[in-house]
Amino acid sequence: MSDIKELRPKTIAGIKRLAKRLQFNSTLTRSAALDAASVQAGFQNFAHANHAIDQAKAPSVTVQSQPMSQREAYRARSRAEWVERINGVPGASGSASLSWDTLPNMARVLDAFMGSGQNHCHFPAGGGYDLTGVRLSRSEPGCLEFRVTNSLVYIGRPVRLRLERIEAEPAESYLYIEQMELAESGVYLTDEDDDTPRRIRDHEELVDLGGGEYAERGAWDRGFTNDPEGPLPDSARLVNRILRGDLMLVGKASVWNGSGQTYNGLHNKLGSSGVRQLIETGLARRAA
C-alpha cells in the first residue's frame, strides 16, 4: 500500500478519496480534510482545485491561458489577504459571530479592511463600491462616514457591526453593518411640499458645504449654489446620505461579490443571519 503522504490526486474524485483517508484517525472536519487533500495535490485549497480542474477540462486556446492564470492568481491573493484581515480581528476564529455597537469601536474594526481593492461594500438597494476609509462623521453626530474617493462619501447611522467568520471557507466571511433610518435633509421636496406621489428615497445625493449645511446635487456641477458669484467652498464634497437599509462588506474575490444575484441588495432582505445561512448552505452543497 502506498504511503498516504506520497499521493497526488489529479481529479476531484481522487481528492475526495484522499480527504476521507486523512479524516481517518484525525479530528479534521470534512471541509478541512478536503482543503488538506487539495494542498497535498498541489492546489491552494479545495475551491481552487475545483476551479483549476474544471478549467483543465474545458476547451481553451493558448492565447486565453495566460489571462486566466493571472485572474486566478489575483483571486487567490485577494482571498488570502481577506482571510488575514478577518483573522486579525481579536476573537475571529472558527465560526465566530462577533458584534460591536459603539461608533468608535465599529470604526476601529472596519478601518483594518479599508482600501481600494481591499473590500467591496454592497449597498441596501443594490450596487457597491470599494471603501477606502471610515471615520466618525464630521457633518452629522451619531453617524459614520464611508469614503469612496476624497470627494465622494457615504453617511450612515450604524447601530451594530457584525463580523461573521465562515469556518468552512474563511474567505467567504463578511462584515454586516446594521443601520437606523436617517431623516431626510429637507433639501429636496417632501410629501408635505408636493401632492405628487413619489418613490420613497433610500438615499440622498447632496453637496456638503460644511457646518451641517447641504445643497442639492446640481450645485456640484454648476460650481455654486444660488449665486454664480459665490462659488462652492474648497472643502465642499459630494455625499450620499443612506436613509435606510444595511451595508455588507465582503472580500473582492468572494463568491458573494462574484455573483450577479447579490447586487440587488439581497443582503438587506435576508439580514445577517440569513446571509450566513445562505453562504454556509451553498458551501455544504458544493463540498458534498
C-alpha atoms as a PDB file:
ATOM      1  CA  MET A   1       0.000   0.000   0.000  1.00  0.00           C
ATOM      2  CA  SER A   2       1.408   3.397  -0.957  1.00  0.00           C
ATOM      3  CA  ASP A   3       2.290   5.981   1.693  1.00  0.00           C
ATOM      4  CA  ILE A   4      -0.631   8.395   2.015  1.00  0.00           C
ATOM      5  CA  LYS A   5       1.822  11.310   2.096  1.00  0.00           C
ATOM      6  CA  GLU A   6       3.004  10.415  -1.414  1.00  0.00           C
ATOM      7  CA  LEU A   7      -0.450  10.554  -3.004  1.00  0.00           C
ATOM      8  CA  ARG A   8      -1.017  13.400  -5.501  1.00  0.00           C
ATOM      9  CA  PRO A   9      -4.567  13.011  -6.879  1.00  0.00           C
ATOM     10  CA  LYS A  10      -5.361  14.743 -10.182  1.00  0.00           C
ATOM     11  CA  THR A  11      -9.168  14.557 -10.059  1.00  0.00           C
ATOM     12  CA  ILE A  12     -11.848  15.850  -7.708  1.00  0.00           C
ATOM     13  CA  ALA A  13     -12.925  12.264  -7.014  1.00  0.00           C
ATOM     14  CA  GLY A  14      -9.345  11.418  -6.079  1.00  0.00           C
ATOM     15  CA  ILE A  15      -9.084  14.431  -3.783  1.00  0.00           C
ATOM     16  CA  LYS A  16     -12.317  13.402  -2.037  1.00  0.00           C
ATOM     17  CA  ARG A  17     -10.985   9.859  -1.541  1.00  0.00           C
ATOM     18  CA  LEU A  18      -7.748  11.225  -0.095  1.00  0.00           C
ATOM     19  CA  ALA A  19      -9.746  13.544   2.193  1.00  0.00           C
ATOM     20  CA  LYS A  20     -11.607  10.536   3.627  1.00  0.00           C
ATOM     21  CA  ARG A  21      -8.292   8.842   4.367  1.00  0.00           C
ATOM     22  CA  LEU A  22      -6.920  11.998   6.006  1.00  0.00           C
ATOM     23  CA  GLN A  23     -10.012  12.191   8.203  1.00  0.00           C
ATOM     24  CA  PHE A  24      -9.479   8.640   9.432  1.00  0.00           C
ATOM     25  CA  ASN A  25      -7.936   8.693  12.925  1.00  0.00           C
ATOM     26  CA  SER A  26      -7.862  12.534  12.897  1.00  0.00           C
ATOM     27  CA  THR A  27     -10.024  15.384  14.148  1.00  0.00           C
ATOM     28  CA  LEU A  28     -10.240  17.105  10.758  1.00  0.00           C
ATOM     29  CA  THR A  29     -13.673  18.251   9.618  1.00  0.00           C
ATOM     30  CA  ARG A  30     -14.771  17.222   6.131  1.00  0.00           C
ATOM     31  CA  SER A  31     -14.088  20.735   4.824  1.00  0.00           C
ATOM     32  CA  ALA A  32     -10.624  20.891   6.439  1.00  0.00           C
ATOM     33  CA  ALA A  33      -9.775  17.435   5.088  1.00  0.00           C
ATOM     34  CA  LEU A  34     -10.791  18.476   1.558  1.00  0.00           C
ATOM     35  CA  ASP A  35      -8.545  21.536   1.796  1.00  0.00           C
ATOM     36  CA  ALA A  36      -5.645  19.443   3.162  1.00  0.00           C
ATOM     37  CA  ALA A  37      -6.054  16.870   0.385  1.00  0.00           C
ATOM     38  CA  SER A  38      -6.157  19.651  -2.209  1.00  0.00           C
ATOM     39  CA  VAL A  39      -2.947  21.215  -0.850  1.00  0.00           C
ATOM     40  CA  GLN A  40      -1.251  17.797  -0.993  1.00  0.00           C
ATOM     41  CA  ALA A  41      -2.391  17.524  -4.615  1.00  0.00           C
ATOM     42  CA  GLY A  42      -0.706  20.844  -5.415  1.00  0.00           C
ATOM     43  CA  PHE A  43      -3.626  23.267  -5.107  1.00  0.00           C
ATOM     44  CA  GLN A  44      -4.253  26.122  -2.685  1.00  0.00           C
ATOM     45  CA  ASN A  45      -7.480  24.672  -1.261  1.00  0.00           C
ATOM     46  CA  PHE A  46     -10.495  22.608  -2.361  1.00  0.00           C
ATOM     47  CA  ALA A  47     -12.187  25.579  -4.079  1.00  0.00           C
ATOM     48  CA  HIS A  48      -9.014  26.217  -6.085  1.00  0.00           C
ATOM     49  CA  ALA A  49      -8.804  22.525  -7.019  1.00  0.00           C
ATOM     50  CA  ASN A  50     -12.420  22.544  -8.204  1.00  0.00           C
ATOM     51  CA  HIS A  51     -11.857  25.595 -10.362  1.00  0.00           C
ATOM     52  CA  ALA A  52      -8.480  24.552 -11.756  1.00  0.00           C
ATOM     53  CA  ILE A  53      -9.614  21.041 -12.661  1.00  0.00           C
ATOM     54  CA  ASP A  54     -12.804  22.367 -14.271  1.00  0.00           C
ATOM     55  CA  GLN A  55     -10.711  24.791 -16.331  1.00  0.00           C
ATOM     56  CA  ALA A  56      -8.383  21.982 -17.399  1.00  0.00           C
ATOM     57  CA  LYS A  57     -11.378  20.024 -18.706  1.00  0.00           C
ATOM     58  CA  ALA A  58     -12.825  22.989 -20.611  1.00  0.00           C
ATOM     59  CA  PRO A  59     -11.725  23.627 -24.207  1.00  0.00           C
ATOM     60  CA  SER A  60      -9.355  26.577 -24.443  1.00  0.00           C
ATOM     61  CA  VAL A  61      -6.850  28.195 -26.750  1.00  0.00           C
ATOM     62  CA  THR A  62      -3.289  29.194 -25.945  1.00  0.00           C
ATOM     63  CA  VAL A  63      -3.985  32.923 -26.111  1.00  0.00           C
ATOM     64  CA  GLN A  64      -6.531  32.598 -23.260  1.00  0.00           C
ATOM     65  CA  SER A  65      -4.388  30.550 -20.893  1.00  0.00           C
ATOM     66  CA  GLN A  66      -2.217  33.387 -19.557  1.00  0.00           C
ATOM     67  CA  PRO A  67      -5.059  35.843 -18.733  1.00  0.00           C
ATOM     68  CA  MET A  68      -6.911  33.057 -16.897  1.00  0.00           C
ATOM     69  CA  SER A  69      -3.764  32.301 -14.923  1.00  0.00           C
ATOM     70  CA  GLN A  70      -3.417  35.966 -13.979  1.00  0.00           C
ATOM     71  CA  ARG A  71      -7.045  36.167 -12.846  1.00  0.00           C
ATOM     72  CA  GLU A  72      -6.669  33.017 -10.783  1.00  0.00           C
ATOM     73  CA  ALA A  73      -3.504  34.355  -9.142  1.00  0.00           C
ATOM     74  CA  TYR A  74      -5.277  37.620  -8.294  1.00  0.00           C
ATOM     75  CA  ARG A  75      -8.254  35.723  -6.878  1.00  0.00           C
ATOM     76  CA  ALA A  76      -6.066  33.522  -4.690  1.00  0.00           C
ATOM     77  CA  ARG A  77      -4.069  36.504  -3.414  1.00  0.00           C
ATOM     78  CA  SER A  78      -7.187  38.557  -2.721  1.00  0.00           C
ATOM     79  CA  ARG A  79      -8.860  35.739  -0.811  1.00  0.00           C
ATOM     80  CA  ALA A  80      -5.742  35.091   1.277  1.00  0.00           C
ATOM     81  CA  GLU A  81      -5.446  38.776   2.182  1.00  0.00           C
ATOM     82  CA  TRP A  82      -9.123  38.931   3.194  1.00  0.00           C
ATOM     83  CA  VAL A  83      -8.698  35.899   5.466  1.00  0.00           C
ATOM     84  CA  GLU A  84      -5.627  37.510   7.023  1.00  0.00           C
ATOM     85  CA  ARG A  85      -7.610  40.642   7.865  1.00  0.00           C
ATOM     86  CA  ILE A  86     -10.546  38.610   9.200  1.00  0.00           C
ATOM     87  CA  ASN A  87      -8.253  36.513  11.398  1.00  0.00           C
ATOM     88  CA  GLY A  88      -6.555  39.686  12.622  1.00  0.00           C
ATOM     89  CA  VAL A  89      -9.701  40.750  14.487  1.00  0.00           C
ATOM     90  CA  PRO A  90      -9.460  39.568  18.131  1.00  0.00           C
ATOM     91  CA  GLY A  91     -11.806  36.653  18.694  1.00  0.00           C
ATOM     92  CA  ALA A  92     -12.286  35.885  14.993  1.00  0.00           C
ATOM     93  CA  SER A  93     -11.649  32.153  14.820  1.00  0.00           C
ATOM     94  CA  GLY A  94     -13.674  29.059  13.982  1.00  0.00           C
ATOM     95  CA  SER A  95     -17.267  30.003  13.240  1.00  0.00           C
ATOM     96  CA  ALA A  96     -17.224  33.136  15.404  1.00  0.00           C
ATOM     97  CA  SER A  97     -20.024  35.700  15.287  1.00  0.00           C
ATOM     98  CA  LEU A  98     -18.751  38.960  16.775  1.00  0.00           C
ATOM     99  CA  SER A  99     -20.503  42.311  17.181  1.00  0.00           C
ATOM    100  CA  TRP A 100     -19.773  45.906  18.191  1.00  0.00           C
ATOM    101  CA  ASP A 101     -22.362  48.577  18.986  1.00  0.00           C
ATOM    102  CA  THR A 102     -20.439  51.816  19.577  1.00  0.00           C
ATOM    103  CA  LEU A 103     -19.323  54.032  16.694  1.00  0.00           C
ATOM    104  CA  PRO A 104     -15.638  54.298  17.746  1.00  0.00           C
ATOM    105  CA  ASN A 105     -15.339  50.506  18.035  1.00  0.00           C
ATOM    106  CA  MET A 106     -17.105  49.982  14.719  1.00  0.00           C
ATOM    107  CA  ALA A 107     -14.795  52.463  13.005  1.00  0.00           C
ATOM    108  CA  ARG A 108     -11.734  50.826  14.578  1.00  0.00           C
ATOM    109  CA  VAL A 109     -12.665  47.331  13.375  1.00  0.00           C
ATOM    110  CA  LEU A 110     -13.690  48.489   9.897  1.00  0.00           C
ATOM    111  CA  ASP A 111     -10.512  50.525   9.433  1.00  0.00           C
ATOM    112  CA  ALA A 112      -8.437  47.341   9.043  1.00  0.00           C
ATOM    113  CA  PHE A 113     -10.489  46.417   5.969  1.00  0.00           C
ATOM    114  CA  MET A 114     -10.338  49.776   4.169  1.00  0.00           C
ATOM    115  CA  GLY A 115      -8.551  50.407   0.871  1.00  0.00           C
ATOM    116  CA  SER A 116      -9.129  50.322  -2.870  1.00  0.00           C
ATOM    117  CA  GLY A 117      -9.212  46.699  -3.987  1.00  0.00           C
ATOM    118  CA  GLN A 118      -9.252  45.518  -0.372  1.00  0.00           C
ATOM    119  CA  ASN A 119     -13.021  45.134   0.050  1.00  0.00           C
ATOM    120  CA  HIS A 120     -16.343  45.635  -1.684  1.00  0.00           C
ATOM    121  CA  CYS A 121     -19.347  47.199   0.022  1.00  0.00           C
ATOM    122  CA  HIS A 122     -22.847  46.176  -1.096  1.00  0.00           C
ATOM    123  CA  PHE A 123     -25.492  48.881  -0.631  1.00  0.00           C
ATOM    124  CA  PRO A 124     -29.088  48.488   0.585  1.00  0.00           C
ATOM    125  CA  ALA A 125     -30.808  48.831  -2.795  1.00  0.00           C
ATOM    126  CA  GLY A 126     -28.024  47.327  -4.911  1.00  0.00           C
ATOM    127  CA  GLY A 127     -24.617  48.058  -6.383  1.00  0.00           C
ATOM    128  CA  GLY A 128     -21.493  48.845  -4.443  1.00  0.00           C
ATOM    129  CA  TYR A 129     -18.066  50.427  -4.141  1.00  0.00           C
ATOM    130  CA  ASP A 130     -14.688  49.672  -2.621  1.00  0.00           C
ATOM    131  CA  LEU A 131     -14.462  51.673   0.598  1.00  0.00           C
ATOM    132  CA  THR A 132     -11.162  53.474   1.148  1.00  0.00           C
ATOM    133  CA  GLY A 133     -11.781  54.906   4.615  1.00  0.00           C
ATOM    134  CA  VAL A 134     -14.143  55.171   7.574  1.00  0.00           C
ATOM    135  CA  ARG A 135     -14.449  57.698  10.401  1.00  0.00           C
ATOM    136  CA  LEU A 136     -16.893  59.427  12.721  1.00  0.00           C
ATOM    137  CA  SER A 137     -18.946  61.859  10.639  1.00  0.00           C
ATOM    138  CA  ARG A 138     -17.833  65.474  10.647  1.00  0.00           C
ATOM    139  CA  SER A 139     -21.255  66.549   9.351  1.00  0.00           C
ATOM    140  CA  GLU A 140     -23.737  64.564  11.411  1.00  0.00           C
ATOM    141  CA  PRO A 141     -23.350  63.422  15.020  1.00  0.00           C
ATOM    142  CA  GLY A 142     -24.162  59.758  15.601  1.00  0.00           C
ATOM    143  CA  CYS A 143     -23.093  58.765  12.088  1.00  0.00           C
ATOM    144  CA  LEU A 144     -20.131  57.199  10.328  1.00  0.00           C
ATOM    145  CA  GLU A 145     -18.656  58.356   7.042  1.00  0.00           C
ATOM    146  CA  PHE A 146     -17.608  55.737   4.500  1.00  0.00           C
ATOM    147  CA  ARG A 147     -15.181  57.223   1.968  1.00  0.00           C
ATOM    148  CA  VAL A 148     -15.065  56.029  -1.631  1.00  0.00           C
ATOM    149  CA  THR A 149     -12.899  58.866  -3.010  1.00  0.00           C
ATOM    150  CA  ASN A 150     -11.761  62.151  -1.483  1.00  0.00           C
ATOM    151  CA  SER A 151     -14.824  63.856  -2.952  1.00  0.00           C
ATOM    152  CA  LEU A 152     -17.385  61.043  -2.573  1.00  0.00           C
ATOM    153  CA  VAL A 153     -18.541  59.953   0.860  1.00  0.00           C
ATOM    154  CA  TYR A 154     -21.471  57.900   2.146  1.00  0.00           C
ATOM    155  CA  ILE A 155     -23.019  58.800   5.506  1.00  0.00           C
ATOM    156  CA  GLY A 156     -24.947  56.245   7.533  1.00  0.00           C
ATOM    157  CA  ARG A 157     -26.184  55.738  11.086  1.00  0.00           C
ATOM    158  CA  PRO A 158     -24.900  52.296  12.138  1.00  0.00           C
ATOM    159  CA  VAL A 159     -26.242  50.694  15.310  1.00  0.00           C
ATOM    160  CA  ARG A 160     -24.327  47.426  15.139  1.00  0.00           C
ATOM    161  CA  LEU A 161     -21.391  45.931  13.245  1.00  0.00           C
ATOM    162  CA  ARG A 162     -21.291  42.155  12.894  1.00  0.00           C
ATOM    163  CA  LEU A 163     -18.372  40.021  11.802  1.00  0.00           C
ATOM    164  CA  GLU A 164     -19.396  36.562  10.636  1.00  0.00           C
ATOM    165  CA  ARG A 165     -16.489  34.170  10.187  1.00  0.00           C
ATOM    166  CA  ILE A 166     -17.296  31.216   7.939  1.00  0.00           C
ATOM    167  CA  GLU A 167     -15.244  28.310   9.254  1.00  0.00           C
ATOM    168  CA  ALA A 168     -15.719  26.094   6.183  1.00  0.00           C
ATOM    169  CA  GLU A 169     -14.308  28.810   3.892  1.00  0.00           C
ATOM    170  CA  PRO A 170     -12.916  31.837   5.788  1.00  0.00           C
ATOM    171  CA  ALA A 171     -12.558  33.852   2.559  1.00  0.00           C
ATOM    172  CA  GLU A 172     -16.378  33.979   2.467  1.00  0.00           C
ATOM    173  CA  SER A 173     -16.510  35.680   5.881  1.00  0.00           C
ATOM    174  CA  TYR A 174     -18.150  39.093   5.891  1.00  0.00           C
ATOM    175  CA  LEU A 175     -18.918  42.250   7.849  1.00  0.00           C
ATOM    176  CA  TYR A 176     -22.528  43.349   8.181  1.00  0.00           C
ATOM    177  CA  ILE A 177     -23.469  46.916   9.199  1.00  0.00           C
ATOM    178  CA  GLU A 178     -26.969  47.270  10.666  1.00  0.00           C
ATOM    179  CA  GLN A 179     -28.290  50.841  10.402  1.00  0.00           C
ATOM    180  CA  MET A 180     -31.027  53.080  11.739  1.00  0.00           C
ATOM    181  CA  GLU A 181     -33.049  55.256   9.413  1.00  0.00           C
ATOM    182  CA  LEU A 182     -31.830  58.795   8.750  1.00  0.00           C
ATOM    183  CA  ALA A 183     -34.345  61.612   8.402  1.00  0.00           C
ATOM    184  CA  GLU A 184     -34.275  63.379   5.038  1.00  0.00           C
ATOM    185  CA  SER A 185     -32.250  66.581   4.942  1.00  0.00           C
ATOM    186  CA  GLY A 186     -35.104  68.739   3.630  1.00  0.00           C
ATOM    187  CA  VAL A 187     -33.094  69.895   0.621  1.00  0.00           C
ATOM    188  CA  TYR A 188     -35.421  68.058  -1.745  1.00  0.00           C
ATOM    189  CA  LEU A 189     -39.218  68.107  -1.903  1.00  0.00           C
ATOM    190  CA  THR A 190     -41.060  66.033   0.684  1.00  0.00           C
ATOM    191  CA  ASP A 191     -44.627  64.733   0.622  1.00  0.00           C
ATOM    192  CA  GLU A 192     -45.711  67.797   2.570  1.00  0.00           C
ATOM    193  CA  ASP A 193     -44.301  70.109  -0.112  1.00  0.00           C
ATOM    194  CA  ASP A 194     -45.849  68.398  -3.109  1.00  0.00           C
ATOM    195  CA  ASP A 195     -49.049  66.404  -3.576  1.00  0.00           C
ATOM    196  CA  THR A 196     -47.474  64.322  -6.357  1.00  0.00           C
ATOM    197  CA  PRO A 197     -46.770  60.754  -5.168  1.00  0.00           C
ATOM    198  CA  ARG A 198     -43.084  59.943  -5.261  1.00  0.00           C
ATOM    199  CA  ARG A 199     -40.826  56.956  -4.761  1.00  0.00           C
ATOM    200  CA  ILE A 200     -39.529  56.513  -1.227  1.00  0.00           C
ATOM    201  CA  ARG A 201     -35.867  57.507  -1.217  1.00  0.00           C
ATOM    202  CA  ASP A 202     -33.273  55.112   0.157  1.00  0.00           C
ATOM    203  CA  HIS A 203     -30.536  57.736  -0.103  1.00  0.00           C
ATOM    204  CA  GLU A 204     -29.935  61.422  -0.869  1.00  0.00           C
ATOM    205  CA  GLU A 205     -27.093  62.692  -3.026  1.00  0.00           C
ATOM    206  CA  LEU A 206     -26.076  66.141  -1.788  1.00  0.00           C
ATOM    207  CA  VAL A 207     -23.250  68.654  -1.693  1.00  0.00           C
ATOM    208  CA  ASP A 208     -21.842  69.033   1.814  1.00  0.00           C
ATOM    209  CA  LEU A 209     -20.997  72.723   2.283  1.00  0.00           C
ATOM    210  CA  GLY A 210     -19.686  72.254   5.823  1.00  0.00           C
ATOM    211  CA  GLY A 211     -21.134  73.107   9.196  1.00  0.00           C
ATOM    212  CA  GLY A 212     -24.063  70.740   8.665  1.00  0.00           C
ATOM    213  CA  GLU A 213     -25.278  72.677   5.596  1.00  0.00           C
ATOM    214  CA  TYR A 214     -26.233  70.838   2.408  1.00  0.00           C
ATOM    215  CA  ALA A 215     -27.084  71.856  -1.145  1.00  0.00           C
ATOM    216  CA  GLU A 216     -28.758  69.888  -3.929  1.00  0.00           C
ATOM    217  CA  ARG A 217     -26.634  67.734  -6.245  1.00  0.00           C
ATOM    218  CA  GLY A 218     -26.790  70.177  -9.169  1.00  0.00           C
ATOM    219  CA  ALA A 219     -24.717  72.699  -7.239  1.00  0.00           C
ATOM    220  CA  TRP A 220     -21.714  70.400  -7.623  1.00  0.00           C
ATOM    221  CA  ASP A 221     -21.957  70.501 -11.410  1.00  0.00           C
ATOM    222  CA  ARG A 222     -22.583  74.277 -11.512  1.00  0.00           C
ATOM    223  CA  GLY A 223     -19.851  75.114  -9.040  1.00  0.00           C
ATOM    224  CA  PHE A 224     -22.164  77.325  -6.961  1.00  0.00           C
ATOM    225  CA  THR A 225     -25.459  77.074  -5.068  1.00  0.00           C
ATOM    226  CA  ASN A 226     -27.740  80.005  -5.989  1.00  0.00           C
ATOM    227  CA  ASP A 227     -25.284  82.848  -6.557  1.00  0.00           C
ATOM    228  CA  PRO A 228     -22.882  82.488  -9.530  1.00  0.00           C
ATOM    229  CA  GLU A 229     -20.615  84.971  -7.774  1.00  0.00           C
ATOM    230  CA  GLY A 230     -20.382  82.715  -4.737  1.00  0.00           C
ATOM    231  CA  PRO A 231     -18.501  79.520  -5.697  1.00  0.00           C
ATOM    232  CA  LEU A 232     -18.600  76.385  -3.615  1.00  0.00           C
ATOM    233  CA  PRO A 233     -16.071  76.313  -0.766  1.00  0.00           C
ATOM    234  CA  ASP A 234     -12.880  74.354  -1.357  1.00  0.00           C
ATOM    235  CA  SER A 235     -13.995  71.919   1.338  1.00  0.00           C
ATOM    236  CA  ALA A 236     -17.247  71.071  -0.484  1.00  0.00           C
ATOM    237  CA  ARG A 237     -17.737  67.409  -1.291  1.00  0.00           C
ATOM    238  CA  LEU A 238     -20.352  65.040  -2.625  1.00  0.00           C
ATOM    239  CA  VAL A 239     -22.106  62.925  -0.008  1.00  0.00           C
ATOM    240  CA  ASN A 240     -24.736  60.234  -0.183  1.00  0.00           C
ATOM    241  CA  ARG A 241     -26.846  60.046   2.960  1.00  0.00           C
ATOM    242  CA  ILE A 242     -28.064  56.451   3.369  1.00  0.00           C
ATOM    243  CA  LEU A 243     -31.602  56.967   4.637  1.00  0.00           C
ATOM    244  CA  ARG A 244     -32.485  53.324   5.237  1.00  0.00           C
ATOM    245  CA  GLY A 245     -31.021  49.842   4.855  1.00  0.00           C
ATOM    246  CA  ASP A 246     -27.936  47.856   5.828  1.00  0.00           C
ATOM    247  CA  LEU A 247     -24.450  47.554   4.327  1.00  0.00           C
ATOM    248  CA  MET A 248     -22.410  44.403   3.760  1.00  0.00           C
ATOM    249  CA  LEU A 249     -18.635  44.320   3.334  1.00  0.00           C
ATOM    250  CA  VAL A 250     -17.098  41.300   1.577  1.00  0.00           C
ATOM    251  CA  GLY A 251     -13.813  40.254   0.016  1.00  0.00           C
ATOM    252  CA  LYS A 252     -13.292  41.297  -3.611  1.00  0.00           C
ATOM    253  CA  ALA A 253     -12.835  37.669  -4.676  1.00  0.00           C
ATOM    254  CA  SER A 254     -15.625  36.228  -2.546  1.00  0.00           C
ATOM    255  CA  VAL A 255     -18.386  34.143  -4.088  1.00  0.00           C
ATOM    256  CA  TRP A 256     -20.895  36.730  -2.844  1.00  0.00           C
ATOM    257  CA  ASN A 257     -19.139  39.509  -4.728  1.00  0.00           C
ATOM    258  CA  GLY A 258     -18.764  37.409  -7.860  1.00  0.00           C
ATOM    259  CA  SER A 259     -22.445  36.569  -8.181  1.00  0.00           C
ATOM    260  CA  GLY A 260     -24.753  38.724 -10.258  1.00  0.00           C
ATOM    261  CA  GLN A 261     -27.623  37.658  -7.993  1.00  0.00           C
ATOM    262  CA  THR A 262     -26.307  39.569  -4.975  1.00  0.00           C
ATOM    263  CA  TYR A 263     -26.108  43.057  -6.489  1.00  0.00           C
ATOM    264  CA  ASN A 264     -29.801  43.794  -5.941  1.00  0.00           C
ATOM    265  CA  GLY A 265     -29.498  44.378  -2.196  1.00  0.00           C
ATOM    266  CA  LEU A 266     -30.142  40.702  -1.368  1.00  0.00           C
ATOM    267  CA  HIS A 267     -28.291  41.027   1.949  1.00  0.00           C
ATOM    268  CA  ASN A 268     -30.661  43.781   3.041  1.00  0.00           C
ATOM    269  CA  LYS A 269     -33.627  41.450   2.503  1.00  0.00           C
ATOM    270  CA  LEU A 270     -32.035  38.494   4.308  1.00  0.00           C
ATOM    271  CA  GLY A 271     -30.354  40.170   7.269  1.00  0.00           C
ATOM    272  CA  SER A 272     -27.010  38.984   8.631  1.00  0.00           C
ATOM    273  CA  SER A 273     -28.234  35.590   9.882  1.00  0.00           C
ATOM    274  CA  GLY A 274     -29.973  34.888   6.569  1.00  0.00           C
ATOM    275  CA  VAL A 275     -26.809  35.758   4.640  1.00  0.00           C
ATOM    276  CA  ARG A 276     -24.764  33.399   6.803  1.00  0.00           C
ATOM    277  CA  GLN A 277     -27.234  30.576   6.335  1.00  0.00           C
ATOM    278  CA  LEU A 278     -27.235  31.064   2.548  1.00  0.00           C
ATOM    279  CA  ILE A 279     -23.428  31.048   2.335  1.00  0.00           C
ATOM    280  CA  GLU A 280     -22.980  28.008   4.580  1.00  0.00           C
ATOM    281  CA  THR A 281     -25.688  26.059   2.750  1.00  0.00           C
ATOM    282  CA  GLY A 282     -24.001  26.785  -0.578  1.00  0.00           C
ATOM    283  CA  LEU A 283     -20.593  25.688   0.719  1.00  0.00           C
ATOM    284  CA  ALA A 284     -22.005  22.470   2.161  1.00  0.00           C
ATOM    285  CA  ARG A 285     -23.727  21.651  -1.126  1.00  0.00           C
ATOM    286  CA  ARG A 286     -20.509  22.279  -3.059  1.00  0.00           C
ATOM    287  CA  ALA A 287     -18.453  20.041  -0.765  1.00  0.00           C
ATOM    288  CA  ALA A 288     -20.956  17.152  -0.854  1.00  0.00           C
END
